[in-house]
Amino acid sequence: MTLSNSFEISSAGLTAQAERLKVYANNIANTNTPYYVRKVPILVENTQTNFQDIITSMRQGVIQAGLSYSASGAMMSGVLQDPTPGKRIYEPGHPQADKDGYITLSNVNPMSDMADAMSTSRLYEANLAVVGIVKNMANKALEIGRG
């Protein structure tokens, strides 16, 4: 794995976590919006190789000079709607009430989305730390090359 691959993996992680954070922020902002359905971000592995290919490549790397490794990481593949039903309340004067006078409240649990947002924020920070570490490694390699 090269330093460039490390940057690519961390970049994919940063992008995925930023997209997740947007979804959670949107959910929290719509906590009190009637008929709003909570969105759940879906992350998938972004890779062109499987684990067996990596192991084979590593074994060959012991004999040959250098490893071939394609960058992977995580990516957001989309969002799903939370199937949990929202609470129905009787509000006959509400402009969005149905013919029986009921509205369906949002199914967002702000505590759950806030916890998910905090976890996502920490993952973003971890990817940012990896970028910093790889940058320091690249700088040290340049210093060695100059010396």
C-alpha atoms as a PDB file:
ATOM      1  CA  MET A   1       0.000   0.000   0.000  1.00  0.00           C
ATOM      2  CA  THR A   2       1.350   3.402  -0.919  1.00  0.00           C
ATOM      3  CA  LEU A   3       0.904   6.695   0.888  1.00  0.00           C
ATOM      4  CA  SER A   4      -1.331   7.749  -1.983  1.00  0.00           C
ATOM      5  CA  ASN A   5      -3.630   4.781  -1.273  1.00  0.00           C
ATOM      6  CA  SER A   6      -3.822   5.847   2.364  1.00  0.00           C
ATOM      7  CA  PHE A   7      -4.906   9.328   1.326  1.00  0.00           C
ATOM      8  CA  GLU A   8      -7.542   7.863  -1.004  1.00  0.00           C
ATOM      9  CA  ILE A   9      -8.975   5.602   1.690  1.00  0.00           C
ATOM     10  CA  SER A  10      -9.132   8.422   4.231  1.00  0.00           C
ATOM     11  CA  SER A  11     -10.637  10.754   1.643  1.00  0.00           C
ATOM     12  CA  ALA A  12     -13.395   8.217   0.958  1.00  0.00           C
ATOM     13  CA  GLY A  13     -13.999   7.946   4.704  1.00  0.00           C
ATOM     14  CA  LEU A  14     -14.190  11.717   5.108  1.00  0.00           C
ATOM     15  CA  THR A  15     -16.687  11.996   2.258  1.00  0.00           C
ATOM     16  CA  ALA A  16     -18.840   9.135   3.563  1.00  0.00           C
ATOM     17  CA  GLN A  17     -18.955  10.504   7.109  1.00  0.00           C
ATOM     18  CA  ALA A  18     -19.771  14.028   5.879  1.00  0.00           C
ATOM     19  CA  GLU A  19     -22.706  12.627   3.870  1.00  0.00           C
ATOM     20  CA  ARG A  20     -23.923  10.627   6.879  1.00  0.00           C
ATOM     21  CA  LEU A  21     -23.740  13.717   9.071  1.00  0.00           C
ATOM     22  CA  LYS A  22     -25.922  15.627   6.594  1.00  0.00           C
ATOM     23  CA  VAL A  23     -28.586  12.913   6.801  1.00  0.00           C
ATOM     24  CA  TYR A  24     -28.601  12.943  10.614  1.00  0.00           C
ATOM     25  CA  ALA A  25     -28.711  16.752  10.711  1.00  0.00           C
ATOM     26  CA  ASN A  26     -31.677  16.714   8.338  1.00  0.00           C
ATOM     27  CA  ASN A  27     -33.453  14.178  10.548  1.00  0.00           C
ATOM     28  CA  ILE A  28     -32.876  16.254  13.671  1.00  0.00           C
ATOM     29  CA  ALA A  29     -34.056  19.416  11.906  1.00  0.00           C
ATOM     30  CA  ASN A  30     -37.312  17.662  10.947  1.00  0.00           C
ATOM     31  CA  THR A  31     -38.068  16.158  14.350  1.00  0.00           C
ATOM     32  CA  ASN A  32     -41.285  18.180  14.666  1.00  0.00           C
ATOM     33  CA  THR A  33     -42.315  18.076  11.008  1.00  0.00           C
ATOM     34  CA  PRO A  34     -45.533  16.101  10.559  1.00  0.00           C
ATOM     35  CA  TYR A  35     -45.342  13.210   8.102  1.00  0.00           C
ATOM     36  CA  TYR A  36     -41.526  13.410   7.907  1.00  0.00           C
ATOM     37  CA  VAL A  37     -39.987   9.927   7.731  1.00  0.00           C
ATOM     38  CA  ARG A  38     -36.564   9.401   9.300  1.00  0.00           C
ATOM     39  CA  LYS A  39     -33.765   8.597   6.837  1.00  0.00           C
ATOM     40  CA  VAL A  40     -31.052   6.030   7.566  1.00  0.00           C
ATOM     41  CA  PRO A  41     -27.761   6.313   5.634  1.00  0.00           C
ATOM     42  CA  ILE A  42     -26.368   3.127   4.103  1.00  0.00           C
ATOM     43  CA  LEU A  43     -22.592   2.684   3.910  1.00  0.00           C
ATOM     44  CA  VAL A  44     -20.907   0.092   1.739  1.00  0.00           C
ATOM     45  CA  GLU A  45     -17.328  -0.914   1.120  1.00  0.00           C
ATOM     46  CA  ASN A  46     -15.848   0.860  -1.872  1.00  0.00           C
ATOM     47  CA  THR A  47     -13.381  -1.630  -3.262  1.00  0.00           C
ATOM     48  CA  GLN A  48     -12.437  -3.259  -6.513  1.00  0.00           C
ATOM     49  CA  THR A  49     -10.665  -6.212  -4.904  1.00  0.00           C
ATOM     50  CA  ASN A  50     -11.719  -8.812  -2.402  1.00  0.00           C
ATOM     51  CA  PHE A  51      -9.824 -10.018   0.637  1.00  0.00           C
ATOM     52  CA  GLN A  52      -8.456 -13.104  -1.129  1.00  0.00           C
ATOM     53  CA  ASP A  53      -6.925 -10.914  -3.858  1.00  0.00           C
ATOM     54  CA  ILE A  54      -5.175  -8.813  -1.209  1.00  0.00           C
ATOM     55  CA  ILE A  55      -3.743 -11.892   0.554  1.00  0.00           C
ATOM     56  CA  THR A  56      -2.535 -13.320  -2.770  1.00  0.00           C
ATOM     57  CA  SER A  57      -0.958  -9.988  -3.636  1.00  0.00           C
ATOM     58  CA  MET A  58       0.775  -9.853  -0.250  1.00  0.00           C
ATOM     59  CA  ARG A  59       2.172 -13.376  -0.696  1.00  0.00           C
ATOM     60  CA  GLN A  60       3.526 -12.460  -4.111  1.00  0.00           C
ATOM     61  CA  GLY A  61       4.922  -9.252  -2.624  1.00  0.00           C
ATOM     62  CA  VAL A  62       7.210 -11.297  -0.394  1.00  0.00           C
ATOM     63  CA  ILE A  63       8.850 -12.741  -3.512  1.00  0.00           C
ATOM     64  CA  GLN A  64       8.468  -9.745  -5.809  1.00  0.00           C
ATOM     65  CA  ALA A  65       9.402  -6.170  -5.041  1.00  0.00           C
ATOM     66  CA  GLY A  66       6.229  -4.269  -4.207  1.00  0.00           C
ATOM     67  CA  LEU A  67       2.603  -4.874  -3.474  1.00  0.00           C
ATOM     68  CA  SER A  68      -0.244  -4.188  -5.831  1.00  0.00           C
ATOM     69  CA  TYR A  69      -3.155  -2.861  -3.857  1.00  0.00           C
ATOM     70  CA  SER A  70      -6.173  -0.951  -5.023  1.00  0.00           C
ATOM     71  CA  ALA A  71      -7.518   1.662  -2.670  1.00  0.00           C
ATOM     72  CA  SER A  72     -10.803   0.990  -0.965  1.00  0.00           C
ATOM     73  CA  GLY A  73     -12.696   2.642   1.795  1.00  0.00           C
ATOM     74  CA  ALA A  74     -16.305   3.379   2.584  1.00  0.00           C
ATOM     75  CA  MET A  75     -18.912   5.164   0.562  1.00  0.00           C
ATOM     76  CA  MET A  76     -22.509   6.094   1.144  1.00  0.00           C
ATOM     77  CA  SER A  77     -24.704   4.153  -1.259  1.00  0.00           C
ATOM     78  CA  GLY A  78     -27.934   5.922  -0.369  1.00  0.00           C
ATOM     79  CA  VAL A  79     -30.566   6.241   2.321  1.00  0.00           C
ATOM     80  CA  LEU A  80     -33.449   4.094   3.472  1.00  0.00           C
ATOM     81  CA  GLN A  81     -36.608   5.278   5.133  1.00  0.00           C
ATOM     82  CA  ASP A  82     -37.119   4.098   8.689  1.00  0.00           C
ATOM     83  CA  PRO A  83     -40.250   1.888   8.674  1.00  0.00           C
ATOM     84  CA  THR A  84     -41.128   2.781  12.265  1.00  0.00           C
ATOM     85  CA  PRO A  85     -44.541   4.467  12.197  1.00  0.00           C
ATOM     86  CA  GLY A  86     -44.878   7.986  13.561  1.00  0.00           C
ATOM     87  CA  LYS A  87     -47.340   8.686  16.341  1.00  0.00           C
ATOM     88  CA  ARG A  88     -50.811   9.725  15.171  1.00  0.00           C
ATOM     89  CA  ILE A  89     -52.428  12.522  17.150  1.00  0.00           C
ATOM     90  CA  TYR A  90     -55.811  14.180  16.925  1.00  0.00           C
ATOM     91  CA  GLU A  91     -55.401  17.768  15.620  1.00  0.00           C
ATOM     92  CA  PRO A  92     -58.566  18.650  13.677  1.00  0.00           C
ATOM     93  CA  GLY A  93     -57.495  22.291  13.140  1.00  0.00           C
ATOM     94  CA  HIS A  94     -54.099  21.409  11.652  1.00  0.00           C
ATOM     95  CA  PRO A  95     -53.789  22.215   7.935  1.00  0.00           C
ATOM     96  CA  GLN A  96     -52.288  18.776   7.227  1.00  0.00           C
ATOM     97  CA  ALA A  97     -54.883  16.802   9.201  1.00  0.00           C
ATOM     98  CA  ASP A  98     -56.628  13.978   7.363  1.00  0.00           C
ATOM     99  CA  LYS A  99     -60.403  13.720   6.991  1.00  0.00           C
ATOM    100  CA  ASP A 100     -60.659  12.252  10.512  1.00  0.00           C
ATOM    101  CA  GLY A 101     -58.616  15.128  12.029  1.00  0.00           C
ATOM    102  CA  TYR A 102     -55.406  13.154  12.671  1.00  0.00           C
ATOM    103  CA  ILE A 103     -51.837  13.993  11.743  1.00  0.00           C
ATOM    104  CA  THR A 104     -48.861  11.633  11.809  1.00  0.00           C
ATOM    105  CA  LEU A 105     -45.875  12.990  13.673  1.00  0.00           C
ATOM    106  CA  SER A 106     -42.315  12.429  12.522  1.00  0.00           C
ATOM    107  CA  ASN A 107     -40.778   9.098  13.511  1.00  0.00           C
ATOM    108  CA  VAL A 108     -37.430  10.769  14.293  1.00  0.00           C
ATOM    109  CA  ASN A 109     -35.969  10.016  17.705  1.00  0.00           C
ATOM    110  CA  PRO A 110     -33.682  13.039  18.226  1.00  0.00           C
ATOM    111  CA  MET A 111     -31.623  11.274  20.911  1.00  0.00           C
ATOM    112  CA  SER A 112     -30.852   8.377  18.576  1.00  0.00           C
ATOM    113  CA  ASP A 113     -29.953  10.660  15.671  1.00  0.00           C
ATOM    114  CA  MET A 114     -27.835  12.854  17.936  1.00  0.00           C
ATOM    115  CA  ALA A 115     -25.907   9.801  19.146  1.00  0.00           C
ATOM    116  CA  ASP A 116     -25.429   8.650  15.540  1.00  0.00           C
ATOM    117  CA  ALA A 117     -24.266  12.150  14.578  1.00  0.00           C
ATOM    118  CA  MET A 118     -21.723  12.186  17.420  1.00  0.00           C
ATOM    119  CA  SER A 119     -20.403   8.776  16.390  1.00  0.00           C
ATOM    120  CA  THR A 120     -20.170   9.941  12.781  1.00  0.00           C
ATOM    121  CA  SER A 121     -18.322  13.075  13.865  1.00  0.00           C
ATOM    122  CA  ARG A 122     -15.770  10.948  15.719  1.00  0.00           C
ATOM    123  CA  LEU A 123     -15.267   8.753  12.658  1.00  0.00           C
ATOM    124  CA  TYR A 124     -14.724  11.898  10.581  1.00  0.00           C
ATOM    125  CA  GLU A 125     -12.108  13.088  13.083  1.00  0.00           C
ATOM    126  CA  ALA A 126     -10.393   9.671  12.980  1.00  0.00           C
ATOM    127  CA  ASN A 127     -10.112   9.841   9.187  1.00  0.00           C
ATOM    128  CA  LEU A 128      -8.760  13.374   9.491  1.00  0.00           C
ATOM    129  CA  ALA A 129      -6.137  12.117  11.959  1.00  0.00           C
ATOM    130  CA  VAL A 130      -5.092   9.418   9.479  1.00  0.00           C
ATOM    131  CA  VAL A 131      -4.600  12.094   6.815  1.00  0.00           C
ATOM    132  CA  GLY A 132      -2.355  13.987   9.248  1.00  0.00           C
ATOM    133  CA  ILE A 133      -0.329  10.873  10.086  1.00  0.00           C
ATOM    134  CA  VAL A 134       0.150   9.978   6.418  1.00  0.00           C
ATOM    135  CA  LYS A 135       1.166  13.588   5.690  1.00  0.00           C
ATOM    136  CA  ASN A 136       3.798  13.383   8.444  1.00  0.00           C
ATOM    137  CA  MET A 137       5.045  10.072   7.042  1.00  0.00           C
ATOM    138  CA  ALA A 138       5.369  11.620   3.577  1.00  0.00           C
ATOM    139  CA  ASN A 139       7.285  14.574   5.015  1.00  0.00           C
ATOM    140  CA  LYS A 140       9.650  12.246   6.914  1.00  0.00           C
ATOM    141  CA  ALA A 141      10.238  10.244   3.734  1.00  0.00           C
ATOM    142  CA  LEU A 142      11.148  13.472   1.924  1.00  0.00           C
ATOM    143  CA  GLU A 143      13.559  14.407   4.741  1.00  0.00           C
ATOM    144  CA  ILE A 144      15.237  10.994   4.445  1.00  0.00           C
ATOM    145  CA  GLY A 145      15.533  11.477   0.695  1.00  0.00           C
ATOM    146  CA  ARG A 146      17.204  14.876   1.139  1.00  0.00           C
ATOM    147  CA  GLY A 147      19.692  13.619   3.721  1.00  0.00           C
END
